[in-house]
Amino acid sequence: RIPVPSVVAAVGAFFAFPYLALSLAAAVNNAGVFAVLSQDSSQFVQNFLTVTGLLFSILVGQTYYFMYQQQEAVYLSLFNEVTEAKSLLEQTTLIAGSRPIYPKILAYINSYINN
């Protein structure tokens, strides 16, 4: 589920990167841009680090969001299962509360809860 799309994306990026880099270089092929970069390389590095930090922040935010969604789904599933078990126990008490099979039914419910 995960390795196949990752490999496909990596291979696609490997072949697409040279064309994209050359296209971007051709689009930015301006004497003014090269003059700024050759005189003040610290600003270029600072901008690069800022963009990298922004991308990392977005990635971390999406990861936390995904993990929160998974945790919420687990808690909702657990809540639904506990609600159903409680309902089963109440119905069992109403239906078989005075019958001799009631302790055996409670033992089965206890076994289900423990396992």
Foldseek 3Di string as FASTA:
>chain_A
DPPVVVVVVVVVCVVCVVVVVVVVCVVPVDPVVVVVCVVCVVVVVVVVVVVVVVVVVVVVVVVVVVVVVVVVVVVVVVVVVVVVLVVVVVVLCVPCVPPPCSVVVVVVSVVVVVD
